[in-house]
Protein backbone atom coordinates (compact mmCIF):
# COMPACT_ATOMS: atom_id res chain seq x y z
CA MET A 1 23.27 -6.09 32.36
CA THR A 2 19.90 -7.42 31.22
CA ASP A 3 19.55 -9.71 28.23
CA ILE A 4 17.93 -6.85 26.28
CA ALA A 5 20.77 -4.47 27.11
CA ALA A 6 23.37 -7.12 26.26
CA ARG A 7 21.70 -7.77 22.91
CA ALA A 8 21.50 -4.03 22.22
CA ALA A 9 25.21 -3.70 23.01
CA GLU A 10 25.99 -6.56 20.62
CA VAL A 11 23.89 -5.02 17.83
CA LEU A 12 25.58 -1.67 18.42
CA LYS A 13 28.99 -3.35 18.19
CA GLU A 14 28.02 -5.02 14.89
CA HIS A 15 26.82 -1.72 13.42
CA ARG A 16 30.03 -0.01 14.47
CA GLN A 17 32.14 -2.77 12.92
CA SER A 18 30.22 -2.35 9.66
CA ILE A 19 30.73 1.41 9.81
CA ASP A 20 34.47 0.91 10.36
CA ARG A 21 34.68 -1.42 7.33
CA LEU A 22 32.72 1.03 5.19
CA ASP A 23 34.95 3.92 6.30
CA ALA A 24 37.98 1.91 5.15
CA ILE A 25 36.29 1.24 1.81
CA LEU A 26 35.55 4.95 1.41
CA VAL A 27 39.16 5.92 2.13
CA TYR A 28 40.63 3.37 -0.27
CA THR A 29 38.05 4.26 -2.93
CA LEU A 30 38.86 7.97 -2.61
CA ALA A 31 42.58 7.18 -2.83
CA GLU A 32 42.00 5.23 -6.05
CA ARG A 33 39.86 8.03 -7.46
CA PHE A 34 42.54 10.61 -6.70
CA LYS A 35 45.19 8.45 -8.41
CA HIS A 36 43.14 8.72 -11.58
CA THR A 37 42.42 12.43 -11.19
CA GLN A 38 46.13 13.07 -10.65
CA ALA A 39 46.86 11.26 -13.92
CA VAL A 40 44.21 13.41 -15.61
CA GLY A 41 45.81 16.52 -14.09
CA ARG A 42 49.25 15.58 -15.41
CA LEU A 43 47.78 14.94 -18.87
CA LYS A 44 45.99 18.29 -18.81
CA ALA A 45 49.20 20.07 -17.74
CA GLU A 46 51.24 18.37 -20.47
CA HIS A 47 48.74 19.43 -23.13
CA GLU A 48 47.98 22.85 -21.65
CA LEU A 49 44.33 22.02 -21.07
CA PRO A 50 42.33 23.95 -18.46
CA PRO A 51 42.37 22.46 -14.97
CA SER A 52 38.59 22.38 -14.76
CA ASP A 53 35.80 21.29 -17.09
CA PRO A 54 32.60 22.95 -15.83
CA SER A 55 30.28 21.06 -18.20
CA ARG A 56 31.68 17.66 -17.14
CA GLU A 57 31.54 18.70 -13.49
CA ALA A 58 27.87 19.68 -13.85
CA ARG A 59 27.10 16.34 -15.53
CA GLN A 60 28.93 14.46 -12.78
CA ILE A 61 27.03 16.29 -10.05
CA ALA A 62 23.69 15.59 -11.75
CA ARG A 63 24.70 11.94 -12.19
CA LEU A 64 25.70 11.62 -8.54
CA GLU A 65 22.47 13.27 -7.37
CA GLN A 66 20.52 10.66 -9.35
CA LEU A 67 22.65 7.83 -7.94
CA ALA A 68 22.08 9.20 -4.46
CA GLN A 69 18.33 9.28 -5.01
CA ASP A 70 18.42 5.71 -6.30
CA ALA A 71 20.43 4.67 -3.23
CA ASP A 72 18.09 6.48 -0.82
CA LEU A 73 20.83 8.96 0.13
CA ASP A 74 20.13 12.66 0.49
CA PRO A 75 20.97 14.10 -2.97
CA GLU A 76 21.94 17.44 -1.43
CA PHE A 77 24.50 15.69 0.77
CA ALA A 78 25.85 13.80 -2.26
CA LYS A 79 26.10 17.06 -4.21
CA LYS A 80 28.03 18.76 -1.39
CA PHE A 81 30.34 15.75 -1.11
CA LEU A 82 31.11 15.63 -4.84
CA THR A 83 31.47 19.41 -5.04
CA PHE A 84 34.11 19.21 -2.30
CA ILE A 85 35.95 16.41 -4.13
CA ILE A 86 35.82 18.30 -7.43
CA SER A 87 37.20 21.44 -5.79
CA GLU A 88 40.12 19.40 -4.39
CA VAL A 89 40.77 17.85 -7.80
CA ILE A 90 40.78 21.27 -9.48
CA ARG A 91 43.14 22.59 -6.82
CA HIS A 92 45.52 19.70 -7.53
CA HIS A 93 45.23 20.28 -11.28
CA GLU A 94 46.00 23.97 -10.84
CA LYS A 95 49.15 23.08 -8.88
CA LEU A 96 50.28 20.84 -11.73
CA GLN A 97 49.80 23.68 -14.24
CA LYS A 98 52.40 25.85 -12.47
């Protein structure tokens, strides 16, 4: 292996290690978020509140799109990601209502 190829392999390894660490952060962050949304769902069920709040969801999506733009992340991707998370949260809240 040439020196250039060896260096490229080392850089690739470093990037992959960073990606692995960031994936772990994402998973633990999502777990923490869902702990809070589950608590919200239980509170909503106890007080017979609707499982979804469309105006808050719209504000959150707009907020995340702006954060994504600020972070140089595709806002459309961020919107799809949050929309998926919100749909999962609502699904969990609906289960708690039954």
